[in-house]
Amino acid sequence: MVKILDKQNTILNKFIAQMRDKNIQRDPMRFRRNMERVAEIMAYEISKDLNYKTRMVETPLGVAAVEDISDKVVVATILRAGLPFHQGFLNYFDDAENGFVSAYRKSRPDGSFIVDVEYVSTSALSGKTLILVDPMLATGTSLMLVYDALIRRAGEPEHTHFVAAFASEQGVDFVLKHTNPAKSTLWCATVDPELTSKSYIVPGIGDAGDLAYGEKL
């Protein structure tokens, strides 16, 4: 299942527009905060698809029945670009466990690249709900390699929510072909039509990691 949030007109579109704007992008603090705000909105939408149970809460004047999330949630992301996006999810899923994966593109002499996954640190995943967040879903290769690395290390989740702020149509198709629709959901804030020869999303935003933290060597 794919859920694309900008198909409805909401405040989300304001933050997407600011992250796309090459003039506003010059302010890295604003870029990070907008990425965080997009994540907060997406976290709220995902929360509607989780499981709940009734919990009794004692107030100063009585007892209230409250529907509370019963899923054991793990939020995982890919370093470094994913950090502000990850923080937005933690702002809402503030008691979630966490996972972090280091993955990067390694260039080949012919100009192509492979994705190298170097480091995985995560809580156990078996039987839990994994929310795997990555701000950019370009080809989809990195996301699926990271997912495979996580389940090899920590077990298979009960359900996985794959989440991207900016996605390409190619990346969406790739993820759908390599995931179990009964055990996963793909969430995108917006989906763009093209990829460049170097696998950058068009119109996209550029390099999310560089915009958030400065150009890398």
N, C-alpha and C. Protein backbone atom coordinates (compact mmCIF):
# COMPACT_ATOMS: atom_id res chain seq x y z
N MET A 1 0.84 -1.19 0.00
CA MET A 1 0.00 0.00 0.00
C MET A 1 0.88 1.24 0.00
N VAL A 2 0.51 2.23 -0.80
CA VAL A 2 1.24 3.50 -0.87
C VAL A 2 0.32 4.63 -0.44
N LYS A 3 0.81 5.48 0.43
CA LYS A 3 0.05 6.65 0.86
C LYS A 3 0.88 7.90 0.57
N ILE A 4 0.36 8.78 -0.29
CA ILE A 4 1.05 10.00 -0.70
C ILE A 4 0.29 11.19 -0.12
N LEU A 5 0.93 11.90 0.79
CA LEU A 5 0.21 12.85 1.63
C LEU A 5 -0.11 14.18 0.94
N ASP A 6 0.70 14.58 -0.05
CA ASP A 6 0.42 15.89 -0.66
C ASP A 6 -0.71 15.83 -1.68
N LYS A 7 -1.36 14.68 -1.82
CA LYS A 7 -2.54 14.60 -2.67
C LYS A 7 -3.71 15.36 -2.06
N GLN A 8 -3.61 15.66 -0.77
CA GLN A 8 -4.57 16.53 -0.10
C GLN A 8 -3.90 17.86 0.20
N ASN A 9 -4.66 18.94 0.13
CA ASN A 9 -4.11 20.26 0.42
C ASN A 9 -4.11 20.49 1.93
N THR A 10 -2.91 20.44 2.52
CA THR A 10 -2.76 20.68 3.95
C THR A 10 -1.51 21.53 4.17
N ILE A 11 -1.25 21.87 5.43
CA ILE A 11 -0.09 22.68 5.79
C ILE A 11 1.21 21.97 5.42
N LEU A 12 1.17 20.66 5.23
CA LEU A 12 2.36 19.92 4.80
C LEU A 12 2.95 20.53 3.54
N ASN A 13 2.11 20.97 2.61
CA ASN A 13 2.59 21.49 1.33
C ASN A 13 3.42 22.76 1.50
N LYS A 14 3.13 23.53 2.53
CA LYS A 14 3.93 24.73 2.81
C LYS A 14 5.38 24.35 3.13
N PHE A 15 5.56 23.33 3.95
CA PHE A 15 6.91 22.92 4.35
C PHE A 15 7.64 22.26 3.18
N ILE A 16 6.92 21.50 2.35
CA ILE A 16 7.53 20.92 1.16
C ILE A 16 8.01 22.03 0.23
N ALA A 17 7.18 23.04 0.03
CA ALA A 17 7.55 24.15 -0.87
C ALA A 17 8.79 24.87 -0.36
N GLN A 18 8.89 25.10 0.95
CA GLN A 18 10.05 25.79 1.50
C GLN A 18 11.32 24.96 1.36
N MET A 19 11.20 23.65 1.50
CA MET A 19 12.39 22.81 1.34
C MET A 19 12.84 22.74 -0.12
N ARG A 20 11.92 22.89 -1.05
CA ARG A 20 12.27 22.91 -2.47
C ARG A 20 12.90 24.24 -2.89
N ASP A 21 12.53 25.33 -2.25
CA ASP A 21 12.91 26.67 -2.67
C ASP A 21 14.42 26.88 -2.49
N LYS A 22 15.13 27.13 -3.60
CA LYS A 22 16.59 27.23 -3.54
C LYS A 22 17.06 28.43 -2.72
N ASN A 23 16.22 29.44 -2.55
CA ASN A 23 16.60 30.59 -1.73
C ASN A 23 16.43 30.28 -0.25
N ILE A 24 15.32 29.68 0.12
CA ILE A 24 15.09 29.32 1.52
C ILE A 24 16.06 28.23 1.96
N GLN A 25 16.49 27.38 1.02
CA GLN A 25 17.44 26.32 1.34
C GLN A 25 18.77 26.84 1.89
N ARG A 26 19.06 28.10 1.67
CA ARG A 26 20.33 28.65 2.13
C ARG A 26 20.42 28.70 3.65
N ASP A 27 19.29 28.55 4.32
CA ASP A 27 19.26 28.56 5.79
C ASP A 27 19.17 27.11 6.27
N PRO A 28 20.29 26.49 6.67
CA PRO A 28 20.25 25.08 7.05
C PRO A 28 19.39 24.80 8.28
N MET A 29 19.32 25.76 9.20
CA MET A 29 18.50 25.54 10.38
C MET A 29 17.02 25.46 9.99
N ARG A 30 16.59 26.32 9.08
CA ARG A 30 15.21 26.29 8.62
C ARG A 30 14.94 25.00 7.85
N PHE A 31 15.91 24.58 7.03
CA PHE A 31 15.74 23.33 6.29
C PHE A 31 15.56 22.16 7.25
N ARG A 32 16.41 22.07 8.27
CA ARG A 32 16.29 20.97 9.23
C ARG A 32 14.95 21.01 9.94
N ARG A 33 14.51 22.21 10.31
CA ARG A 33 13.24 22.31 11.04
C ARG A 33 12.06 21.94 10.14
N ASN A 34 12.11 22.34 8.88
CA ASN A 34 11.04 21.96 7.97
C ASN A 34 11.00 20.45 7.76
N MET A 35 12.17 19.83 7.66
CA MET A 35 12.20 18.37 7.53
C MET A 35 11.61 17.72 8.78
N GLU A 36 11.90 18.30 9.92
CA GLU A 36 11.35 17.79 11.18
C GLU A 36 9.84 17.95 11.22
N ARG A 37 9.34 19.09 10.72
CA ARG A 37 7.90 19.33 10.74
C ARG A 37 7.17 18.39 9.77
N VAL A 38 7.75 18.14 8.62
CA VAL A 38 7.15 17.16 7.71
C VAL A 38 7.07 15.80 8.38
N ALA A 39 8.12 15.42 9.09
CA ALA A 39 8.12 14.14 9.81
C ALA A 39 7.04 14.10 10.88
N GLU A 40 6.84 15.19 11.58
CA GLU A 40 5.80 15.23 12.61
C GLU A 40 4.42 14.99 12.01
N ILE A 41 4.16 15.62 10.87
CA ILE A 41 2.87 15.43 10.21
C ILE A 41 2.72 13.98 9.77
N MET A 42 3.78 13.42 9.21
CA MET A 42 3.72 12.03 8.75
C MET A 42 3.58 11.06 9.92
N ALA A 43 4.23 11.36 11.03
CA ALA A 43 4.08 10.53 12.23
C ALA A 43 2.63 10.51 12.70
N TYR A 44 1.99 11.66 12.68
CA TYR A 44 0.58 11.74 13.08
C TYR A 44 -0.29 10.88 12.17
N GLU A 45 -0.05 10.95 10.85
CA GLU A 45 -0.84 10.16 9.91
C GLU A 45 -0.60 8.66 10.12
N ILE A 46 0.65 8.27 10.33
CA ILE A 46 0.96 6.86 10.55
C ILE A 46 0.31 6.36 11.84
N SER A 47 0.22 7.21 12.83
CA SER A 47 -0.36 6.80 14.11
C SER A 47 -1.81 6.31 13.96
N LYS A 48 -2.49 6.76 12.92
CA LYS A 48 -3.87 6.34 12.69
C LYS A 48 -3.95 4.87 12.27
N ASP A 49 -2.83 4.31 11.78
CA ASP A 49 -2.82 2.93 11.30
C ASP A 49 -2.27 1.94 12.32
N LEU A 50 -1.92 2.41 13.51
CA LEU A 50 -1.37 1.53 14.53
C LEU A 50 -2.49 0.88 15.34
N ASN A 51 -2.10 -0.03 16.20
CA ASN A 51 -3.06 -0.72 17.07
C ASN A 51 -3.16 0.01 18.42
N TYR A 52 -4.34 -0.03 19.01
CA TYR A 52 -4.61 0.68 20.26
C TYR A 52 -5.29 -0.23 21.27
N LYS A 53 -5.13 0.13 22.52
CA LYS A 53 -5.85 -0.55 23.59
C LYS A 53 -6.29 0.48 24.62
N THR A 54 -7.33 0.16 25.35
CA THR A 54 -7.86 1.09 26.35
C THR A 54 -7.00 1.08 27.60
N ARG A 55 -6.66 2.28 28.06
CA ARG A 55 -5.89 2.43 29.30
C ARG A 55 -6.64 3.37 30.22
N MET A 56 -6.72 3.02 31.50
CA MET A 56 -7.39 3.87 32.48
C MET A 56 -6.37 4.83 33.09
N VAL A 57 -6.69 6.11 33.05
CA VAL A 57 -5.80 7.16 33.55
C VAL A 57 -6.48 7.88 34.70
N GLU A 58 -5.78 7.93 35.81
CA GLU A 58 -6.33 8.62 36.98
C GLU A 58 -6.04 10.11 36.90
N THR A 59 -7.06 10.92 36.95
CA THR A 59 -6.94 12.37 36.93
C THR A 59 -7.14 12.90 38.35
N PRO A 60 -6.93 14.19 38.60
CA PRO A 60 -7.20 14.74 39.94
C PRO A 60 -8.66 14.61 40.36
N LEU A 61 -9.57 14.41 39.38
CA LEU A 61 -11.00 14.38 39.71
C LEU A 61 -11.70 13.07 39.40
N GLY A 62 -10.95 12.09 38.90
CA GLY A 62 -11.60 10.83 38.57
C GLY A 62 -10.70 9.95 37.72
N VAL A 63 -11.35 9.11 36.92
CA VAL A 63 -10.63 8.17 36.06
C VAL A 63 -11.16 8.31 34.64
N ALA A 64 -10.24 8.39 33.66
CA ALA A 64 -10.62 8.52 32.26
C ALA A 64 -10.12 7.32 31.47
N ALA A 65 -10.95 6.83 30.56
CA ALA A 65 -10.55 5.76 29.65
C ALA A 65 -9.93 6.40 28.41
N VAL A 66 -8.70 5.98 28.08
CA VAL A 66 -7.96 6.56 26.95
C VAL A 66 -7.48 5.44 26.03
N GLU A 67 -7.68 5.63 24.71
CA GLU A 67 -7.15 4.68 23.74
C GLU A 67 -5.68 5.02 23.49
N ASP A 68 -4.79 4.08 23.83
CA ASP A 68 -3.36 4.32 23.76
C ASP A 68 -2.72 3.31 22.80
N ILE A 69 -1.62 3.71 22.15
CA ILE A 69 -0.94 2.83 21.20
C ILE A 69 -0.43 1.59 21.92
N SER A 70 -0.74 0.43 21.36
CA SER A 70 -0.28 -0.82 21.95
C SER A 70 0.91 -1.42 21.21
N ASP A 71 1.21 -0.92 20.01
CA ASP A 71 2.35 -1.42 19.24
C ASP A 71 3.67 -1.07 19.93
N LYS A 72 4.63 -1.96 19.85
CA LYS A 72 6.00 -1.66 20.23
C LYS A 72 6.69 -1.06 19.01
N VAL A 73 7.00 0.23 19.06
CA VAL A 73 7.48 0.95 17.88
C VAL A 73 8.99 1.12 17.93
N VAL A 74 9.64 0.87 16.79
CA VAL A 74 11.05 1.17 16.61
C VAL A 74 11.17 2.12 15.43
N VAL A 75 11.79 3.28 15.64
CA VAL A 75 12.04 4.24 14.57
C VAL A 75 13.50 4.11 14.15
N ALA A 76 13.73 3.86 12.88
CA ALA A 76 15.10 3.68 12.37
C ALA A 76 15.35 4.62 11.20
N THR A 77 16.60 5.04 11.05
CA THR A 77 16.93 5.95 9.96
C THR A 77 18.33 5.68 9.44
N ILE A 78 18.63 6.35 8.31
CA ILE A 78 19.92 6.21 7.65
C ILE A 78 20.73 7.49 7.89
N LEU A 79 21.94 7.33 8.41
CA LEU A 79 22.81 8.47 8.67
C LEU A 79 23.38 9.00 7.35
N ARG A 80 23.61 10.35 7.22
CA ARG A 80 23.39 11.41 8.16
C ARG A 80 22.13 12.19 7.84
N ALA A 81 21.71 12.10 6.54
CA ALA A 81 20.60 12.93 6.07
C ALA A 81 19.31 12.67 6.84
N GLY A 82 19.17 11.46 7.39
CA GLY A 82 17.93 11.11 8.04
C GLY A 82 17.74 11.67 9.44
N LEU A 83 18.76 12.30 10.01
CA LEU A 83 18.67 12.70 11.42
C LEU A 83 17.56 13.70 11.73
N PRO A 84 17.39 14.81 11.00
CA PRO A 84 16.28 15.71 11.33
C PRO A 84 14.92 15.07 11.07
N PHE A 85 14.82 14.24 10.04
CA PHE A 85 13.59 13.52 9.75
C PHE A 85 13.26 12.57 10.90
N HIS A 86 14.28 11.85 11.36
CA HIS A 86 14.14 10.94 12.49
C HIS A 86 13.66 11.67 13.73
N GLN A 87 14.23 12.85 13.99
CA GLN A 87 13.86 13.61 15.18
C GLN A 87 12.38 13.99 15.16
N GLY A 88 11.86 14.33 13.99
CA GLY A 88 10.44 14.65 13.89
C GLY A 88 9.56 13.50 14.32
N PHE A 89 9.95 12.27 13.96
CA PHE A 89 9.18 11.11 14.39
C PHE A 89 9.31 10.88 15.88
N LEU A 90 10.50 11.12 16.43
CA LEU A 90 10.68 10.95 17.87
C LEU A 90 9.90 11.99 18.67
N ASN A 91 9.67 13.16 18.08
CA ASN A 91 8.87 14.17 18.78
C ASN A 91 7.47 13.65 19.09
N TYR A 92 6.96 12.74 18.23
CA TYR A 92 5.62 12.19 18.45
C TYR A 92 5.68 10.79 19.06
N PHE A 93 6.53 9.93 18.53
CA PHE A 93 6.71 8.60 19.12
C PHE A 93 7.86 8.69 20.13
N ASP A 94 7.62 9.43 21.20
CA ASP A 94 8.71 9.81 22.10
C ASP A 94 9.18 8.67 22.99
N ASP A 95 8.42 7.57 23.04
CA ASP A 95 8.87 6.41 23.82
C ASP A 95 9.32 5.27 22.92
N ALA A 96 9.52 5.54 21.64
CA ALA A 96 9.94 4.50 20.70
C ALA A 96 11.39 4.11 20.94
N GLU A 97 11.71 2.86 20.59
CA GLU A 97 13.09 2.44 20.51
C GLU A 97 13.64 2.90 19.16
N ASN A 98 14.96 2.76 18.98
CA ASN A 98 15.58 3.38 17.82
C ASN A 98 16.57 2.46 17.12
N GLY A 99 16.79 2.78 15.83
CA GLY A 99 17.80 2.10 15.05
C GLY A 99 18.51 3.10 14.14
N PHE A 100 19.80 2.89 13.92
CA PHE A 100 20.59 3.77 13.06
C PHE A 100 21.47 2.93 12.15
N VAL A 101 21.50 3.31 10.88
CA VAL A 101 22.29 2.57 9.89
C VAL A 101 23.13 3.57 9.10
N SER A 102 24.39 3.23 8.90
CA SER A 102 25.27 4.03 8.05
C SER A 102 25.32 3.38 6.67
N ALA A 103 24.88 4.13 5.65
CA ALA A 103 24.92 3.64 4.27
C ALA A 103 25.31 4.81 3.37
N TYR A 104 26.13 4.52 2.38
CA TYR A 104 26.54 5.60 1.48
C TYR A 104 26.81 5.05 0.08
N ARG A 105 26.77 5.96 -0.88
CA ARG A 105 27.03 5.58 -2.27
C ARG A 105 28.54 5.53 -2.51
N LYS A 106 29.01 4.43 -3.07
CA LYS A 106 30.42 4.27 -3.42
C LYS A 106 30.52 4.27 -4.95
N SER A 107 31.23 5.26 -5.49
CA SER A 107 31.30 5.44 -6.94
C SER A 107 32.17 4.37 -7.59
N ARG A 108 31.79 3.98 -8.80
CA ARG A 108 32.57 3.08 -9.62
C ARG A 108 33.28 3.87 -10.72
N PRO A 109 34.31 3.30 -11.33
CA PRO A 109 35.03 4.02 -12.40
C PRO A 109 34.15 4.42 -13.57
N ASP A 110 33.08 3.65 -13.84
CA ASP A 110 32.22 3.97 -14.99
C ASP A 110 31.18 5.02 -14.68
N GLY A 111 31.23 5.59 -13.47
CA GLY A 111 30.29 6.63 -13.09
C GLY A 111 29.06 6.13 -12.35
N SER A 112 28.83 4.83 -12.36
CA SER A 112 27.73 4.26 -11.58
C SER A 112 28.15 4.15 -10.11
N PHE A 113 27.28 3.61 -9.27
CA PHE A 113 27.62 3.49 -7.85
C PHE A 113 26.98 2.25 -7.26
N ILE A 114 27.55 1.83 -6.14
CA ILE A 114 26.93 0.80 -5.31
C ILE A 114 26.68 1.41 -3.94
N VAL A 115 25.75 0.83 -3.21
CA VAL A 115 25.44 1.31 -1.86
C VAL A 115 26.12 0.39 -0.86
N ASP A 116 26.92 0.99 0.02
CA ASP A 116 27.66 0.24 1.02
C ASP A 116 27.05 0.49 2.39
N VAL A 117 26.59 -0.56 3.05
CA VAL A 117 26.06 -0.48 4.41
C VAL A 117 27.17 -0.88 5.36
N GLU A 118 27.59 0.06 6.23
CA GLU A 118 28.76 -0.17 7.08
C GLU A 118 28.43 -0.47 8.53
N TYR A 119 27.39 0.16 9.06
CA TYR A 119 27.16 0.14 10.51
C TYR A 119 25.67 0.01 10.78
N VAL A 120 25.31 -0.89 11.70
CA VAL A 120 23.92 -1.08 12.09
C VAL A 120 23.84 -1.13 13.61
N SER A 121 23.02 -0.26 14.18
CA SER A 121 22.76 -0.28 15.61
C SER A 121 21.26 -0.15 15.82
N THR A 122 20.64 -1.16 16.39
CA THR A 122 19.18 -1.13 16.50
C THR A 122 18.69 -1.94 17.69
N SER A 123 17.51 -1.61 18.15
CA SER A 123 16.81 -2.45 19.12
C SER A 123 16.28 -3.69 18.40
N ALA A 124 15.86 -4.68 19.15
CA ALA A 124 15.24 -5.87 18.57
C ALA A 124 14.00 -5.47 17.79
N LEU A 125 13.74 -6.17 16.69
CA LEU A 125 12.62 -5.83 15.82
C LEU A 125 11.53 -6.89 15.77
N SER A 126 11.83 -8.11 16.17
CA SER A 126 10.87 -9.21 16.04
C SER A 126 9.55 -8.88 16.73
N GLY A 127 8.47 -8.98 15.97
CA GLY A 127 7.14 -8.76 16.52
C GLY A 127 6.77 -7.32 16.76
N LYS A 128 7.63 -6.38 16.40
CA LYS A 128 7.38 -4.96 16.66
C LYS A 128 6.97 -4.24 15.38
N THR A 129 6.66 -2.97 15.51
CA THR A 129 6.34 -2.12 14.36
C THR A 129 7.55 -1.27 14.05
N LEU A 130 8.12 -1.47 12.87
CA LEU A 130 9.28 -0.70 12.44
C LEU A 130 8.83 0.47 11.57
N ILE A 131 9.30 1.66 11.92
CA ILE A 131 9.10 2.85 11.08
C ILE A 131 10.47 3.23 10.56
N LEU A 132 10.74 2.89 9.30
CA LEU A 132 12.05 3.13 8.68
C LEU A 132 11.96 4.40 7.86
N VAL A 133 12.66 5.45 8.30
CA VAL A 133 12.50 6.77 7.70
C VAL A 133 13.77 7.20 6.97
N ASP A 134 13.58 7.73 5.77
CA ASP A 134 14.67 8.24 4.95
C ASP A 134 14.11 9.42 4.16
N PRO A 135 14.68 10.61 4.28
CA PRO A 135 14.05 11.77 3.63
C PRO A 135 13.95 11.65 2.12
N MET A 136 14.88 10.92 1.47
CA MET A 136 14.90 10.84 0.02
C MET A 136 14.82 9.38 -0.44
N LEU A 137 13.80 9.07 -1.22
CA LEU A 137 13.66 7.74 -1.83
C LEU A 137 13.89 7.91 -3.33
N ALA A 138 15.12 7.69 -3.76
CA ALA A 138 15.48 7.90 -5.17
C ALA A 138 15.29 6.60 -5.95
N THR A 139 16.31 5.74 -6.00
CA THR A 139 16.16 4.46 -6.69
C THR A 139 15.46 3.42 -5.82
N GLY A 140 15.52 3.60 -4.51
CA GLY A 140 14.96 2.62 -3.58
C GLY A 140 15.97 1.58 -3.12
N THR A 141 17.14 1.54 -3.77
CA THR A 141 18.14 0.53 -3.44
C THR A 141 18.64 0.67 -2.01
N SER A 142 18.99 1.89 -1.61
CA SER A 142 19.52 2.11 -0.25
C SER A 142 18.52 1.69 0.80
N LEU A 143 17.27 2.06 0.62
CA LEU A 143 16.25 1.76 1.62
C LEU A 143 16.09 0.26 1.80
N MET A 144 16.07 -0.49 0.71
CA MET A 144 15.87 -1.93 0.83
C MET A 144 17.12 -2.63 1.37
N LEU A 145 18.31 -2.15 1.02
CA LEU A 145 19.53 -2.72 1.60
C LEU A 145 19.58 -2.49 3.11
N VAL A 146 19.18 -1.30 3.52
CA VAL A 146 19.15 -0.98 4.95
C VAL A 146 18.12 -1.84 5.67
N TYR A 147 16.96 -2.01 5.06
CA TYR A 147 15.93 -2.86 5.66
C TYR A 147 16.45 -4.29 5.83
N ASP A 148 17.08 -4.82 4.79
CA ASP A 148 17.63 -6.18 4.88
C ASP A 148 18.68 -6.28 5.98
N ALA A 149 19.53 -5.25 6.11
CA ALA A 149 20.55 -5.26 7.15
C ALA A 149 19.92 -5.24 8.54
N LEU A 150 18.85 -4.48 8.70
CA LEU A 150 18.17 -4.40 9.99
C LEU A 150 17.56 -5.74 10.39
N ILE A 151 16.86 -6.39 9.46
CA ILE A 151 16.20 -7.64 9.84
C ILE A 151 17.22 -8.77 10.03
N ARG A 152 18.34 -8.72 9.32
CA ARG A 152 19.39 -9.71 9.58
C ARG A 152 19.94 -9.55 10.99
N ARG A 153 20.06 -8.32 11.44
CA ARG A 153 20.63 -8.05 12.76
C ARG A 153 19.62 -8.27 13.88
N ALA A 154 18.36 -7.88 13.65
CA ALA A 154 17.44 -7.76 14.78
C ALA A 154 16.11 -8.50 14.62
N GLY A 155 15.92 -9.26 13.55
CA GLY A 155 14.69 -10.01 13.37
C GLY A 155 13.67 -9.27 12.52
N GLU A 156 12.60 -9.97 12.16
CA GLU A 156 11.60 -9.41 11.25
C GLU A 156 10.47 -8.73 12.02
N PRO A 157 10.15 -7.48 11.69
CA PRO A 157 9.06 -6.78 12.37
C PRO A 157 7.70 -7.39 12.02
N GLU A 158 6.73 -7.11 12.86
CA GLU A 158 5.35 -7.49 12.55
C GLU A 158 4.84 -6.70 11.36
N HIS A 159 5.16 -5.41 11.33
CA HIS A 159 4.79 -4.55 10.20
C HIS A 159 5.84 -3.46 10.06
N THR A 160 6.11 -3.07 8.82
CA THR A 160 7.09 -2.01 8.56
C THR A 160 6.43 -0.87 7.79
N HIS A 161 6.63 0.33 8.30
CA HIS A 161 6.21 1.55 7.60
C HIS A 161 7.47 2.17 7.00
N PHE A 162 7.59 2.12 5.67
CA PHE A 162 8.68 2.79 4.97
C PHE A 162 8.24 4.22 4.71
N VAL A 163 9.08 5.20 5.08
CA VAL A 163 8.65 6.59 5.03
C VAL A 163 9.70 7.44 4.33
N ALA A 164 9.26 8.25 3.35
CA ALA A 164 10.14 9.18 2.65
C ALA A 164 9.44 10.52 2.52
N ALA A 165 10.21 11.60 2.68
CA ALA A 165 9.64 12.92 2.44
C ALA A 165 9.51 13.16 0.93
N PHE A 166 10.59 12.93 0.19
CA PHE A 166 10.61 13.13 -1.26
C PHE A 166 10.95 11.80 -1.92
N ALA A 167 10.12 11.36 -2.85
CA ALA A 167 10.33 10.08 -3.52
C ALA A 167 10.25 10.27 -5.03
N SER A 168 10.86 9.35 -5.75
CA SER A 168 10.69 9.29 -7.20
C SER A 168 9.71 8.16 -7.52
N GLU A 169 9.08 8.26 -8.69
CA GLU A 169 8.19 7.18 -9.11
C GLU A 169 8.96 5.87 -9.23
N GLN A 170 10.20 5.94 -9.70
CA GLN A 170 11.03 4.74 -9.83
C GLN A 170 11.30 4.11 -8.47
N GLY A 171 11.61 4.95 -7.48
CA GLY A 171 11.86 4.44 -6.14
C GLY A 171 10.63 3.79 -5.53
N VAL A 172 9.48 4.41 -5.73
CA VAL A 172 8.23 3.83 -5.23
C VAL A 172 8.00 2.46 -5.84
N ASP A 173 8.17 2.35 -7.15
CA ASP A 173 7.97 1.06 -7.83
C ASP A 173 8.93 0.01 -7.32
N PHE A 174 10.20 0.41 -7.08
CA PHE A 174 11.20 -0.54 -6.60
C PHE A 174 10.83 -1.09 -5.23
N VAL A 175 10.42 -0.21 -4.32
CA VAL A 175 10.06 -0.65 -2.97
C VAL A 175 8.85 -1.58 -3.02
N LEU A 176 7.86 -1.25 -3.85
CA LEU A 176 6.67 -2.09 -3.94
C LEU A 176 7.00 -3.48 -4.47
N LYS A 177 7.97 -3.57 -5.37
CA LYS A 177 8.35 -4.86 -5.94
C LYS A 177 9.15 -5.71 -4.96
N HIS A 178 9.73 -5.10 -3.94
CA HIS A 178 10.63 -5.82 -3.04
C HIS A 178 10.12 -5.91 -1.61
N THR A 179 8.84 -5.65 -1.40
CA THR A 179 8.27 -5.74 -0.06
C THR A 179 6.98 -6.55 -0.09
N ASN A 180 6.61 -7.05 1.06
CA ASN A 180 5.38 -7.82 1.24
C ASN A 180 4.24 -6.86 1.54
N PRO A 181 3.25 -6.72 0.66
CA PRO A 181 2.18 -5.74 0.89
C PRO A 181 1.34 -6.02 2.13
N ALA A 182 1.35 -7.27 2.58
CA ALA A 182 0.58 -7.60 3.78
C ALA A 182 1.29 -7.16 5.05
N LYS A 183 2.60 -6.90 4.95
CA LYS A 183 3.38 -6.57 6.15
C LYS A 183 4.10 -5.23 6.04
N SER A 184 3.72 -4.41 5.07
CA SER A 184 4.41 -3.13 4.91
C SER A 184 3.50 -2.08 4.30
N THR A 185 3.83 -0.83 4.58
CA THR A 185 3.15 0.33 4.01
C THR A 185 4.21 1.34 3.62
N LEU A 186 4.07 1.94 2.45
CA LEU A 186 4.99 2.98 2.00
C LEU A 186 4.30 4.32 2.09
N TRP A 187 4.94 5.25 2.81
CA TRP A 187 4.41 6.60 2.99
C TRP A 187 5.35 7.60 2.33
N CYS A 188 4.81 8.50 1.53
CA CYS A 188 5.59 9.56 0.89
C CYS A 188 4.88 10.89 1.10
N ALA A 189 5.65 11.92 1.45
CA ALA A 189 5.05 13.25 1.51
C ALA A 189 4.72 13.72 0.10
N THR A 190 5.63 13.47 -0.85
CA THR A 190 5.40 13.84 -2.25
C THR A 190 6.21 12.92 -3.14
N VAL A 191 5.75 12.73 -4.38
CA VAL A 191 6.42 11.86 -5.34
C VAL A 191 6.70 12.64 -6.62
N ASP A 192 7.96 12.63 -7.05
CA ASP A 192 8.39 13.34 -8.26
C ASP A 192 8.60 12.35 -9.41
N PRO A 193 8.55 12.84 -10.67
CA PRO A 193 8.52 11.92 -11.81
C PRO A 193 9.86 11.41 -12.31
N GLU A 194 10.97 12.08 -12.00
CA GLU A 194 12.22 11.76 -12.69
C GLU A 194 13.39 11.54 -11.73
N LEU A 195 14.43 10.87 -12.30
CA LEU A 195 15.74 10.77 -11.67
C LEU A 195 16.79 11.21 -12.69
N THR A 196 17.85 11.89 -12.21
CA THR A 196 18.95 12.23 -13.09
C THR A 196 19.83 10.99 -13.31
N SER A 197 20.83 11.12 -14.17
CA SER A 197 21.76 10.01 -14.43
C SER A 197 22.54 9.63 -13.17
N LYS A 198 22.64 10.56 -12.22
CA LYS A 198 23.31 10.28 -10.95
C LYS A 198 22.33 9.95 -9.83
N SER A 199 21.09 9.67 -10.22
CA SER A 199 20.03 9.23 -9.29
C SER A 199 19.62 10.29 -8.29
N TYR A 200 19.58 11.56 -8.72
CA TYR A 200 18.97 12.61 -7.92
C TYR A 200 17.54 12.82 -8.38
N ILE A 201 16.64 13.06 -7.43
CA ILE A 201 15.23 13.23 -7.74
C ILE A 201 15.00 14.60 -8.38
N VAL A 202 14.18 14.62 -9.44
CA VAL A 202 13.83 15.85 -10.15
C VAL A 202 12.31 16.03 -10.15
N PRO A 203 11.79 17.22 -9.71
CA PRO A 203 12.54 18.41 -9.30
C PRO A 203 13.22 18.30 -7.94
N GLY A 204 12.70 17.46 -7.04
CA GLY A 204 13.38 17.18 -5.78
C GLY A 204 13.79 18.40 -4.99
N ILE A 205 14.92 18.25 -4.28
CA ILE A 205 15.44 19.36 -3.46
C ILE A 205 16.96 19.47 -3.55
N GLY A 206 17.63 18.51 -4.20
CA GLY A 206 19.08 18.43 -4.13
C GLY A 206 19.49 17.38 -3.12
N ASP A 207 20.65 17.58 -2.49
CA ASP A 207 21.18 16.63 -1.51
C ASP A 207 20.72 17.02 -0.10
N ALA A 208 19.85 16.20 0.50
CA ALA A 208 19.27 16.54 1.80
C ALA A 208 20.33 16.63 2.89
N GLY A 209 21.32 15.74 2.85
CA GLY A 209 22.37 15.78 3.87
C GLY A 209 23.19 17.05 3.79
N ASP A 210 23.55 17.47 2.57
CA ASP A 210 24.32 18.70 2.40
C ASP A 210 23.52 19.91 2.83
N LEU A 211 22.23 19.94 2.52
CA LEU A 211 21.38 21.07 2.88
C LEU A 211 21.21 21.18 4.39
N ALA A 212 21.19 20.05 5.06
CA ALA A 212 21.01 20.05 6.52
C ALA A 212 22.30 20.32 7.27
N TYR A 213 23.44 19.80 6.76
CA TYR A 213 24.66 19.79 7.57
C TYR A 213 25.90 20.33 6.86
N GLY A 214 25.76 20.82 5.62
CA GLY A 214 26.90 21.32 4.90
C GLY A 214 27.43 20.31 3.90
N GLU A 215 28.07 20.81 2.86
CA GLU A 215 28.56 19.92 1.81
C GLU A 215 29.65 19.00 2.34
N LYS A 216 29.54 17.73 1.97
CA LYS A 216 30.55 16.74 2.40
C LYS A 216 31.69 16.69 1.40
N LEU A 217 32.84 16.26 1.86
CA LEU A 217 34.01 16.12 0.99
C LEU A 217 33.83 14.92 0.07
